[in-house]
Amino acid sequence: MVKHARDAAAVPGQSKAKKGKSALKQQDIGTAFKFKSYVNLFGGISSEHRELLIQDCKSCFSCREVEDGDNYSLGSTFFIKANEASVCGMEVLAKKIFDLHTQGMTYDPATSGAEWWTQHIDHRDNIGFHWDRDYGKEEDDQVHVHPFLGSVTYLCVNAGPTVILDKRGTFEYGADISGPLRQCIVSRPTPGKHITFDGELLHGAPSDLAFPHVNEDDDTSVRVTFLVNIWLNHVPIQSQRLEPTVASTLKLEAKHVESLALITTDAEPTPDVEVYDAKSVKHDNGPFPLSERDPAYDAIVMHQLSSVERARRRLLSLVITFTIEMMVAFVISRYTATLRTYPLLMSFMPVISAISGNVGLQSSSIMTRALAVGLVSTKDSSRAIGRDLASALVLGLALGLLTGIVAGMWQNWLVFGLVVGIAQFLSILTAALTGSAAPLIGKWLHFDPATFAGPMETAIQDVVGNSFFLILASVLLDYFATT
């Protein structure tokens, strides 16, 4: 039996984030962390056998909740050597994972193999930050020996992500582990996803970081994972083979998965992983390392700023808004003759501006909220903007028709109503485009979307909307008035 540290290591002192947004770095952290991610490694398993696998995960699970003050969560892990024959489906899968990640490597099959175990726990439970070690050797010889690789295969839908930190375990027992945390990889669970990482790294699975957030009132959902540590030339002292009496009760038989081909063609490219300097952020549940990649990053950081710092961060967007609005004043000044000729135009300018502005603010709020809960990211921005524009098209047609009819009847001139209606339609489309795009652009530029989007949407919509309106009015009204 091997102990798996759970909340054993208090997260060491966090590094201070660099000023501004220059902390974002692009590098191949995957190589440094030995990180790989496969979208659906067990995709070849039939739905029937997948259900049997989940049932067996529950049967094999023995991890228990940690009592207050305890350092470790005790639980049995099982070991199958590279030169041993599998007797059940769980062992077959463990050996397949071992073989996948040791291809081309030299090792002693008699002292190498797969240490495996399962988790079948409430989705609200946390897996505290810990190192995987041979805890039997730690107790006997007071030295730390880590696996070559750790791996997680997710079989659940929504639970806390696996967070892998750049803090390596030590060989010497009792060695100092303090120091900054600067980088991390966050792997969010999706059914069938399989990840690997360096077995020496500190890692955990805090449910507080789940997106969408776990429902605290839901006592039926579970976190189900199949975990395999790859050991080379070392067998953990207390890890033993799965008891034959237990293996015989498992539902997934070896023959069900012996011919299974692991799907490795859909590996996620590690160069796309973004790395940030971590900063310690306190919230109601205590401090944890947070990066810009987290959807809640901007909201939590803004919530903690002083009044002066909040004002400073909001000032730039407002100064840009002032500059753009001066362009609006310039546009209007160029069409004073048209406004004098058709004074009713001035009555409809605030109507067009208000309606399209509200459409833009709706789009901005919807997109900002989606960013905050992780439903949208800058990587799928085109799809998100396209969906909003489709809604805006319907709104533009309806409101443009309504505004045009009212304007035409008021002025008693069809052309006047046509000008106002078209201007309203174009303004709504423009407002929706800027409103939905502004939060994403702000996020891409590493500004807070909530403070960036509103001013940008209002300013740009005013310039474009008023320009459309006055240009159409000047051209069409003057043309039809002289014919």
Protein backbone atom coordinates (compact mmCIF):
# COMPACT_ATOMS: atom_id res chain seq x y z
CA MET A 1 0.00 0.00 0.00
CA VAL A 2 1.34 3.40 -0.97
CA LYS A 3 0.34 6.65 0.68
CA HIS A 4 -0.53 9.48 -1.65
CA ALA A 5 0.10 12.86 -0.11
CA ARG A 6 -3.03 14.92 0.09
CA ASP A 7 -2.74 18.48 1.30
CA ALA A 8 0.62 17.36 2.67
CA ALA A 9 2.48 20.23 1.05
CA ALA A 10 1.20 23.67 1.76
CA VAL A 11 1.69 25.59 -1.47
CA PRO A 12 5.03 27.41 -1.03
CA GLY A 13 5.42 31.15 -1.37
CA GLN A 14 4.06 32.33 -4.65
CA SER A 15 6.03 34.49 -7.05
CA LYS A 16 4.96 38.03 -7.67
CA ALA A 17 3.41 38.55 -11.06
CA LYS A 18 5.33 40.88 -13.31
CA LYS A 19 3.86 44.30 -13.70
CA GLY A 20 1.49 44.80 -16.60
CA LYS A 21 0.68 41.87 -18.81
CA SER A 22 4.23 41.08 -19.88
CA ALA A 23 4.15 37.99 -17.63
CA LEU A 24 2.61 35.98 -20.48
CA LYS A 25 5.19 33.68 -21.99
CA GLN A 26 5.07 31.27 -24.88
CA GLN A 27 7.38 28.30 -24.49
CA ASP A 28 7.28 24.55 -24.72
CA ILE A 29 6.45 23.84 -21.11
CA GLY A 30 5.34 20.40 -22.22
CA THR A 31 8.94 19.26 -22.63
CA ALA A 32 9.98 20.56 -19.22
CA PHE A 33 6.99 18.93 -17.52
CA LYS A 34 7.04 15.76 -19.70
CA PHE A 35 3.45 16.72 -20.40
CA LYS A 36 1.38 15.04 -23.08
CA SER A 37 -2.35 15.11 -23.62
CA TYR A 38 -4.46 12.76 -25.72
CA VAL A 39 -8.05 13.79 -26.36
CA ASN A 40 -9.58 10.30 -26.24
CA LEU A 41 -7.01 7.58 -25.56
CA PHE A 42 -9.65 4.91 -24.85
CA GLY A 43 -11.88 5.97 -27.73
CA GLY A 44 -11.87 2.45 -29.13
CA ILE A 45 -13.68 1.01 -26.11
CA SER A 46 -17.33 0.24 -26.73
CA SER A 47 -19.94 2.05 -24.67
CA GLU A 48 -20.80 -1.22 -22.92
CA HIS A 49 -17.20 -1.87 -21.90
CA ARG A 50 -16.75 1.77 -20.89
CA GLU A 51 -19.59 1.38 -18.40
CA LEU A 52 -17.92 -1.76 -17.05
CA LEU A 53 -14.67 0.20 -16.68
CA ILE A 54 -16.44 2.88 -14.63
CA GLN A 55 -18.03 0.21 -12.43
CA ASP A 56 -14.62 -1.38 -11.86
CA CYS A 57 -13.15 2.01 -10.95
CA LYS A 58 -15.72 2.19 -8.17
CA SER A 59 -14.94 -1.36 -7.06
CA CYS A 60 -11.19 -0.75 -6.94
CA PHE A 61 -11.46 2.61 -5.27
CA SER A 62 -10.30 2.72 -1.68
CA CYS A 63 -9.27 6.35 -1.21
CA ARG A 64 -10.81 7.84 1.94
CA GLU A 65 -11.47 11.40 3.03
CA VAL A 66 -8.69 13.02 5.04
CA GLU A 67 -9.54 13.97 8.60
CA ASP A 68 -8.52 17.44 9.78
CA GLY A 69 -4.85 17.43 10.69
CA ASP A 70 -3.96 14.28 8.74
CA ASN A 71 -1.18 14.58 6.20
CA TYR A 72 -2.05 11.74 3.90
CA SER A 73 -5.01 10.03 2.34
CA LEU A 74 -4.46 6.30 2.70
CA GLY A 75 -5.40 4.10 -0.19
CA SER A 76 -4.32 0.93 -1.90
CA THR A 77 -2.46 1.08 -5.17
CA PHE A 78 -1.75 -1.94 -7.31
CA PHE A 79 1.36 -2.85 -9.30
CA ILE A 80 1.80 -5.01 -12.36
CA LYS A 81 5.33 -5.62 -13.59
CA ALA A 82 6.25 -5.27 -17.23
CA ASN A 83 6.95 -9.02 -17.49
CA GLU A 84 3.71 -10.17 -15.85
CA ALA A 85 0.56 -11.30 -17.66
CA SER A 86 -2.63 -9.35 -17.06
CA VAL A 87 -5.56 -11.16 -15.44
CA CYS A 88 -8.25 -8.46 -15.69
CA GLY A 89 -9.20 -5.52 -17.89
CA MET A 90 -7.82 -2.93 -15.46
CA GLU A 91 -4.37 -4.53 -15.59
CA VAL A 92 -4.51 -4.74 -19.38
CA LEU A 93 -5.22 -1.00 -19.60
CA ALA A 94 -2.49 -0.18 -17.07
CA LYS A 95 0.08 -2.16 -19.05
CA LYS A 96 -1.03 -0.58 -22.33
CA ILE A 97 -0.43 2.86 -20.82
CA PHE A 98 2.96 1.69 -19.52
CA ASP A 99 3.94 0.34 -22.95
CA LEU A 100 2.77 3.51 -24.69
CA HIS A 101 4.98 5.79 -22.62
CA THR A 102 8.07 3.56 -22.51
CA GLN A 103 8.41 2.81 -26.23
CA GLY A 104 12.07 2.71 -27.24
CA MET A 105 13.32 2.88 -23.65
CA THR A 106 15.65 0.42 -21.94
CA TYR A 107 14.61 -0.95 -18.54
CA ASP A 108 14.50 -4.12 -16.47
CA PRO A 109 11.04 -5.68 -16.96
CA ALA A 110 11.30 -7.47 -13.61
CA THR A 111 11.66 -4.20 -11.67
CA SER A 112 9.60 -1.89 -13.88
CA GLY A 113 5.89 -1.60 -14.40
CA ALA A 114 2.64 0.24 -13.82
CA GLU A 115 1.37 1.32 -10.42
CA TRP A 116 -2.35 1.91 -10.83
CA TRP A 117 -5.36 2.91 -8.80
CA THR A 118 -8.72 4.58 -9.30
CA GLN A 119 -10.72 7.47 -7.92
CA HIS A 120 -14.49 7.39 -7.65
CA ILE A 121 -15.27 10.34 -5.39
CA ASP A 122 -17.79 13.14 -4.98
CA HIS A 123 -17.13 15.75 -7.67
CA ARG A 124 -17.04 18.43 -4.96
CA ASP A 125 -14.06 16.85 -3.19
CA ASN A 126 -10.56 18.26 -3.56
CA ILE A 127 -7.46 16.24 -4.35
CA GLY A 128 -4.88 18.23 -2.38
CA PHE A 129 -1.49 19.16 -3.81
CA HIS A 130 0.95 16.30 -3.36
CA TRP A 131 3.90 14.38 -4.76
CA ASP A 132 3.62 10.73 -5.83
CA ARG A 133 6.40 8.77 -4.12
CA ASP A 134 7.37 5.39 -2.81
CA TYR A 135 6.15 6.22 0.68
CA GLY A 136 7.22 2.83 2.00
CA LYS A 137 10.83 3.63 1.13
CA GLU A 138 10.40 7.08 2.67
CA GLU A 139 9.34 5.47 5.95
CA ASP A 140 12.08 2.81 5.90
CA ASP A 141 15.08 4.69 4.49
CA GLN A 142 14.01 8.36 4.73
CA VAL A 143 14.62 9.02 1.03
CA HIS A 144 12.22 10.09 -1.69
CA VAL A 145 11.84 8.08 -4.88
CA HIS A 146 9.36 9.32 -7.50
CA PRO A 147 7.85 7.56 -10.53
CA PHE A 148 9.19 8.31 -14.00
CA LEU A 149 5.77 9.54 -15.15
CA GLY A 150 2.36 10.15 -13.66
CA SER A 151 -0.78 9.81 -15.76
CA VAL A 152 -4.49 10.53 -15.44
CA THR A 153 -7.30 9.21 -17.63
CA TYR A 154 -10.56 11.07 -17.03
CA LEU A 155 -13.82 9.14 -17.17
CA CYS A 156 -15.96 11.89 -15.60
CA VAL A 157 -17.64 14.98 -17.05
CA ASN A 158 -17.15 17.93 -14.70
CA ALA A 159 -14.76 18.09 -11.77
CA GLY A 160 -11.72 20.01 -10.63
CA PRO A 161 -8.85 20.22 -13.13
CA THR A 162 -5.49 18.57 -12.63
CA VAL A 163 -3.03 21.36 -11.78
CA ILE A 164 0.66 20.53 -12.26
CA LEU A 165 3.11 22.96 -10.64
CA ASP A 166 6.79 23.61 -11.30
CA LYS A 167 7.85 22.32 -7.89
CA ARG A 168 9.91 19.14 -7.95
CA GLY A 169 10.14 16.71 -5.08
CA THR A 170 13.44 16.24 -3.28
CA PHE A 171 15.49 13.08 -2.89
CA GLU A 172 16.57 13.81 0.66
CA TYR A 173 14.00 13.34 3.40
CA GLY A 174 13.15 16.61 5.18
CA ALA A 175 14.86 18.83 2.59
CA ASP A 176 13.65 22.41 2.23
CA ILE A 177 10.80 22.69 -0.29
CA SER A 178 10.10 26.41 0.04
CA GLY A 179 10.39 28.72 -2.95
CA PRO A 180 8.28 30.41 -5.59
CA LEU A 181 5.82 28.75 -7.93
CA ARG A 182 6.17 30.32 -11.36
CA GLN A 183 4.54 28.00 -13.87
CA CYS A 184 1.73 25.51 -14.02
CA ILE A 185 -0.31 23.46 -16.44
CA VAL A 186 -4.06 23.18 -15.91
CA SER A 187 -5.74 20.15 -17.46
CA ARG A 188 -9.54 20.26 -17.39
CA PRO A 189 -11.36 16.91 -17.38
CA THR A 190 -13.21 15.67 -20.45
CA PRO A 191 -14.38 12.06 -20.81
CA GLY A 192 -11.64 9.89 -22.31
CA LYS A 193 -8.86 12.49 -22.03
CA HIS A 194 -5.46 11.13 -20.97
CA ILE A 195 -2.50 13.18 -19.72
CA THR A 196 1.02 12.43 -18.54
CA PHE A 197 3.46 14.55 -16.55
CA ASP A 198 6.82 14.28 -14.81
CA GLY A 199 6.43 12.04 -11.76
CA GLU A 200 8.55 14.39 -9.64
CA LEU A 201 6.17 17.36 -9.93
CA LEU A 202 3.75 18.70 -7.33
CA HIS A 203 0.15 18.32 -8.47
CA GLY A 204 -3.45 18.28 -7.27
CA ALA A 205 -7.06 18.65 -8.38
CA PRO A 206 -8.87 21.50 -6.57
CA SER A 207 -12.61 21.43 -7.24
CA ASP A 208 -12.74 25.21 -6.71
CA LEU A 209 -11.11 25.62 -10.13
CA ALA A 210 -13.73 23.60 -12.01
CA PHE A 211 -15.40 25.44 -14.91
CA PRO A 212 -18.34 25.40 -15.11
CA HIS A 213 -18.33 25.43 -11.33
CA VAL A 214 -19.46 22.26 -9.64
CA ASN A 215 -22.96 22.34 -8.20
CA GLU A 216 -22.52 22.24 -4.44
CA ASP A 217 -26.08 20.92 -4.04
CA ASP A 218 -25.50 17.99 -6.39
CA ASP A 219 -24.69 14.91 -4.34
CA THR A 220 -25.01 12.46 -7.24
CA SER A 221 -22.14 13.43 -9.58
CA VAL A 222 -18.76 11.77 -9.15
CA ARG A 223 -15.17 12.27 -10.23
CA VAL A 224 -13.98 9.08 -11.90
CA THR A 225 -10.34 8.70 -12.98
CA PHE A 226 -7.98 5.86 -13.83
CA LEU A 227 -4.46 6.69 -12.65
CA VAL A 228 -1.23 5.00 -13.66
CA ASN A 229 2.30 5.82 -12.50
CA ILE A 230 5.15 4.59 -14.70
CA TRP A 231 8.04 3.15 -12.67
CA LEU A 232 11.37 2.21 -14.26
CA ASN A 233 13.82 -0.08 -12.48
CA HIS A 234 12.08 0.37 -9.14
CA VAL A 235 9.03 -1.25 -7.54
CA PRO A 236 7.38 0.70 -4.70
CA ILE A 237 7.88 -1.25 -1.50
CA GLN A 238 4.25 -1.42 -0.43
CA SER A 239 2.62 -1.79 -3.87
CA GLN A 240 1.35 -5.29 -4.58
CA ARG A 241 -0.45 -7.13 -7.33
CA LEU A 242 -4.24 -6.93 -7.33
CA GLU A 243 -5.59 -9.79 -5.24
CA PRO A 244 -6.93 -12.62 -7.45
CA THR A 245 -10.11 -12.73 -5.39
CA VAL A 246 -10.72 -9.07 -6.19
CA ALA A 247 -9.69 -9.38 -9.85
CA SER A 248 -12.20 -12.18 -10.36
CA THR A 249 -15.06 -9.91 -9.27
CA LEU A 250 -14.30 -7.12 -11.75
CA LYS A 251 -16.67 -6.69 -14.68
CA LEU A 252 -14.17 -5.66 -17.38
CA GLU A 253 -12.37 -8.83 -18.40
CA ALA A 254 -8.94 -8.93 -19.98
CA LYS A 255 -10.37 -10.29 -23.24
CA HIS A 256 -12.60 -7.20 -23.57
CA VAL A 257 -9.63 -4.84 -24.04
CA GLU A 258 -6.67 -7.02 -25.06
CA SER A 259 -7.07 -6.01 -28.71
CA LEU A 260 -7.78 -2.36 -27.90
CA ALA A 261 -5.63 0.08 -29.88
CA LEU A 262 -4.95 3.27 -27.94
CA ILE A 263 -5.84 6.42 -29.91
CA THR A 264 -2.72 8.61 -29.97
CA THR A 265 -3.32 10.47 -33.23
CA ASP A 266 -5.28 13.25 -31.53
CA ALA A 267 -2.53 14.39 -29.18
CA GLU A 268 -2.78 18.04 -28.21
CA PRO A 269 0.34 19.99 -29.27
CA THR A 270 2.29 21.05 -26.21
CA PRO A 271 3.76 24.22 -27.83
CA ASP A 272 0.26 25.73 -27.64
CA VAL A 273 0.25 25.53 -23.83
CA GLU A 274 0.46 29.04 -22.40
CA VAL A 275 2.60 29.71 -19.35
CA TYR A 276 2.09 32.51 -16.89
CA ASP A 277 3.83 33.69 -13.79
CA ALA A 278 1.57 32.55 -11.00
CA LYS A 279 0.38 35.00 -8.41
CA SER A 280 -1.22 34.25 -5.08
CA VAL A 281 -4.85 35.30 -5.12
CA LYS A 282 -6.99 35.14 -1.99
CA HIS A 283 -10.68 34.49 -2.15
CA ASP A 284 -13.30 33.20 0.25
CA ASN A 285 -11.80 29.71 0.26
CA GLY A 286 -8.18 30.80 0.76
CA PRO A 287 -5.16 31.43 -1.50
CA PHE A 288 -4.31 29.35 -4.52
CA PRO A 289 -2.01 29.88 -7.52
CA LEU A 290 -3.95 31.58 -10.31
CA SER A 291 -2.90 32.33 -13.88
CA GLU A 292 -4.28 34.51 -16.64
CA ARG A 293 -5.51 31.37 -18.36
CA ASP A 294 -8.13 30.94 -15.64
CA PRO A 295 -11.45 32.46 -16.73
CA ALA A 296 -11.95 34.06 -13.31
CA TYR A 297 -8.51 35.70 -13.27
CA ASP A 298 -9.58 39.24 -14.24
CA ALA A 299 -12.60 39.26 -11.94
CA ILE A 300 -10.66 38.07 -8.88
CA VAL A 301 -7.74 40.44 -9.46
CA MET A 302 -10.02 43.46 -10.01
CA HIS A 303 -12.00 42.56 -6.88
CA GLN A 304 -8.87 42.91 -4.75
CA LEU A 305 -7.54 46.19 -6.15
CA SER A 306 -7.65 49.45 -4.22
CA SER A 307 -9.96 52.24 -5.39
CA VAL A 308 -7.05 54.20 -6.83
CA GLU A 309 -5.69 51.20 -8.73
CA ARG A 310 -9.14 50.36 -10.08
CA ALA A 311 -9.49 53.92 -11.35
CA ARG A 312 -6.04 53.76 -12.95
CA ARG A 313 -6.85 50.55 -14.81
CA ARG A 314 -10.14 51.94 -16.08
CA LEU A 315 -8.72 55.32 -17.08
CA LEU A 316 -6.98 54.23 -20.29
CA SER A 317 -10.16 52.86 -21.85
CA LEU A 318 -12.03 56.03 -20.95
CA VAL A 319 -9.32 58.28 -22.41
CA ILE A 320 -9.47 56.27 -25.64
CA THR A 321 -13.25 56.67 -25.55
CA PHE A 322 -12.88 60.43 -25.22
CA THR A 323 -10.58 60.51 -28.24
CA ILE A 324 -13.00 58.46 -30.35
CA GLU A 325 -15.99 60.55 -29.26
CA MET A 326 -14.17 63.65 -30.47
CA MET A 327 -14.27 62.01 -33.88
CA VAL A 328 -18.06 61.81 -33.48
CA ALA A 329 -18.15 65.54 -32.85
CA PHE A 330 -16.07 66.09 -35.99
CA VAL A 331 -18.41 63.90 -38.08
CA ILE A 332 -21.50 65.77 -36.88
CA SER A 333 -19.86 69.14 -37.54
CA ARG A 334 -19.30 68.16 -41.17
CA TYR A 335 -23.04 67.65 -41.72
CA THR A 336 -24.51 70.73 -40.06
CA ALA A 337 -26.06 71.83 -43.37
CA THR A 338 -27.94 68.53 -43.67
CA LEU A 339 -29.15 68.81 -40.08
CA ARG A 340 -30.37 72.38 -40.66
CA THR A 341 -32.26 71.26 -43.77
CA TYR A 342 -33.81 68.22 -42.05
CA PRO A 343 -33.98 69.10 -38.33
CA LEU A 344 -36.00 65.96 -37.55
CA LEU A 345 -32.79 64.01 -38.14
CA MET A 346 -31.49 65.37 -34.84
CA SER A 347 -34.50 63.89 -33.06
CA PHE A 348 -33.69 60.40 -34.33
CA MET A 349 -29.93 60.53 -33.68
CA PRO A 350 -30.29 59.71 -29.94
CA VAL A 351 -32.90 57.04 -30.77
CA ILE A 352 -30.55 55.23 -33.15
CA SER A 353 -27.63 55.68 -30.77
CA ALA A 354 -29.55 54.42 -27.72
CA ILE A 355 -31.06 51.33 -29.38
CA SER A 356 -27.87 50.22 -31.09
CA GLY A 357 -25.87 51.09 -27.97
CA ASN A 358 -28.05 48.84 -25.84
CA VAL A 359 -27.69 46.02 -28.35
CA GLY A 360 -23.92 46.45 -28.15
CA LEU A 361 -23.95 46.47 -24.36
CA GLN A 362 -26.02 43.28 -24.35
CA SER A 363 -23.51 41.62 -26.67
CA SER A 364 -20.62 42.87 -24.54
CA SER A 365 -22.19 41.62 -21.30
CA ILE A 366 -23.02 38.21 -22.76
CA MET A 367 -19.49 37.74 -24.09
CA THR A 368 -17.82 39.01 -20.89
CA ARG A 369 -19.90 36.62 -18.79
CA ALA A 370 -19.07 33.72 -21.12
CA LEU A 371 -15.37 34.53 -20.78
CA ALA A 372 -15.66 34.69 -17.00
CA VAL A 373 -17.10 31.19 -16.68
CA GLY A 374 -14.88 29.63 -19.34
CA LEU A 375 -17.56 29.02 -21.97
CA VAL A 376 -15.69 31.12 -24.55
CA SER A 377 -11.99 31.77 -25.15
CA THR A 378 -9.98 33.82 -27.63
CA LYS A 379 -9.28 30.60 -29.55
CA ASP A 380 -12.93 30.16 -30.56
CA SER A 381 -13.70 33.88 -30.92
CA SER A 382 -14.93 33.69 -34.52
CA ARG A 383 -17.61 31.15 -33.65
CA ALA A 384 -18.75 33.15 -30.62
CA ILE A 385 -18.90 36.43 -32.56
CA GLY A 386 -20.74 34.73 -35.43
CA ARG A 387 -23.46 33.47 -33.11
CA ASP A 388 -23.97 36.96 -31.69
CA LEU A 389 -24.10 38.54 -35.15
CA ALA A 390 -26.79 36.06 -36.19
CA SER A 391 -28.96 37.31 -33.32
CA ALA A 392 -28.10 40.92 -34.15
CA LEU A 393 -29.26 40.40 -37.74
CA VAL A 394 -32.74 39.49 -36.50
CA LEU A 395 -32.77 42.40 -34.05
CA GLY A 396 -31.54 44.81 -36.73
CA LEU A 397 -34.25 43.84 -39.19
CA ALA A 398 -37.01 44.11 -36.59
CA LEU A 399 -35.89 47.35 -34.94
CA GLY A 400 -34.78 48.93 -38.22
CA LEU A 401 -38.23 48.29 -39.70
CA LEU A 402 -39.95 49.69 -36.61
CA THR A 403 -37.79 52.82 -36.45
CA GLY A 404 -38.10 53.40 -40.20
CA ILE A 405 -41.90 53.18 -40.15
CA VAL A 406 -42.14 55.66 -37.27
CA ALA A 407 -39.70 58.08 -38.94
CA GLY A 408 -41.43 57.89 -42.34
CA MET A 409 -44.85 58.54 -40.84
CA TRP A 410 -43.54 61.39 -38.71
CA GLN A 411 -41.82 63.18 -41.59
CA ASN A 412 -44.55 62.00 -43.99
CA TRP A 413 -41.83 60.98 -46.43
CA LEU A 414 -40.97 57.38 -47.33
CA VAL A 415 -37.35 58.20 -48.18
CA PHE A 416 -36.81 59.72 -44.74
CA GLY A 417 -38.11 56.55 -43.10
CA LEU A 418 -35.89 54.44 -45.36
CA VAL A 419 -32.80 56.43 -44.35
CA VAL A 420 -33.56 56.13 -40.64
CA GLY A 421 -34.43 52.42 -40.87
CA ILE A 422 -31.28 51.49 -42.82
CA ALA A 423 -29.13 53.55 -40.45
CA GLN A 424 -30.70 51.79 -37.46
CA PHE A 425 -30.09 48.36 -39.03
CA LEU A 426 -26.44 49.08 -39.82
CA SER A 427 -25.84 50.63 -36.40
CA ILE A 428 -27.21 47.55 -34.64
CA LEU A 429 -24.99 45.21 -36.64
CA THR A 430 -21.96 47.39 -35.95
CA ALA A 431 -22.79 47.61 -32.24
CA ALA A 432 -23.19 43.83 -31.97
CA LEU A 433 -19.90 43.26 -33.76
CA THR A 434 -17.95 45.68 -31.56
CA GLY A 435 -19.80 44.60 -28.41
CA SER A 436 -19.05 40.90 -28.89
CA ALA A 437 -15.52 41.42 -30.19
CA ALA A 438 -14.37 44.01 -27.64
CA PRO A 439 -14.19 41.64 -24.62
CA LEU A 440 -12.26 39.08 -26.68
CA ILE A 441 -9.88 41.72 -28.01
CA GLY A 442 -9.41 43.04 -24.48
CA LYS A 443 -8.60 39.53 -23.24
CA TRP A 444 -6.19 38.99 -26.12
CA LEU A 445 -4.44 42.28 -25.29
CA HIS A 446 -4.38 41.24 -21.60
CA PHE A 447 -6.77 43.97 -20.45
CA ASP A 448 -9.69 43.27 -18.14
CA PRO A 449 -12.60 42.59 -20.57
CA ALA A 450 -15.12 44.12 -18.16
CA THR A 451 -13.40 47.53 -18.14
CA PHE A 452 -12.27 47.45 -21.78
CA ALA A 453 -15.40 46.29 -23.61
CA GLY A 454 -18.01 48.88 -22.57
CA PRO A 455 -16.08 52.04 -23.45
CA MET A 456 -14.80 50.58 -26.72
CA GLU A 457 -18.25 49.43 -27.82
CA THR A 458 -19.89 52.76 -26.99
CA ALA A 459 -17.24 54.88 -28.66
CA ILE A 460 -16.89 52.85 -31.87
CA GLN A 461 -20.64 52.41 -32.22
CA ASP A 462 -21.16 56.17 -31.88
CA VAL A 463 -18.63 56.94 -34.62
CA VAL A 464 -19.83 54.29 -37.06
CA GLY A 465 -23.55 54.66 -36.29
CA ASN A 466 -23.65 58.43 -36.61
CA SER A 467 -21.46 58.30 -39.72
CA PHE A 468 -23.81 55.81 -41.41
CA PHE A 469 -26.81 57.91 -40.47
CA LEU A 470 -25.49 61.28 -41.62
CA ILE A 471 -23.89 59.99 -44.82
CA LEU A 472 -27.09 58.21 -45.85
CA ALA A 473 -29.17 61.26 -44.95
CA SER A 474 -26.92 63.65 -46.85
CA VAL A 475 -26.78 61.52 -50.00
CA LEU A 476 -30.29 60.09 -50.23
CA LEU A 477 -32.35 62.96 -48.86
CA ASP A 478 -30.57 65.55 -50.98
CA TYR A 479 -30.88 63.32 -54.05
CA PHE A 480 -34.61 62.66 -53.71
CA ALA A 481 -35.34 66.22 -52.66
CA THR A 482 -34.02 67.52 -55.99
CA THR A 483 -35.70 64.89 -58.20
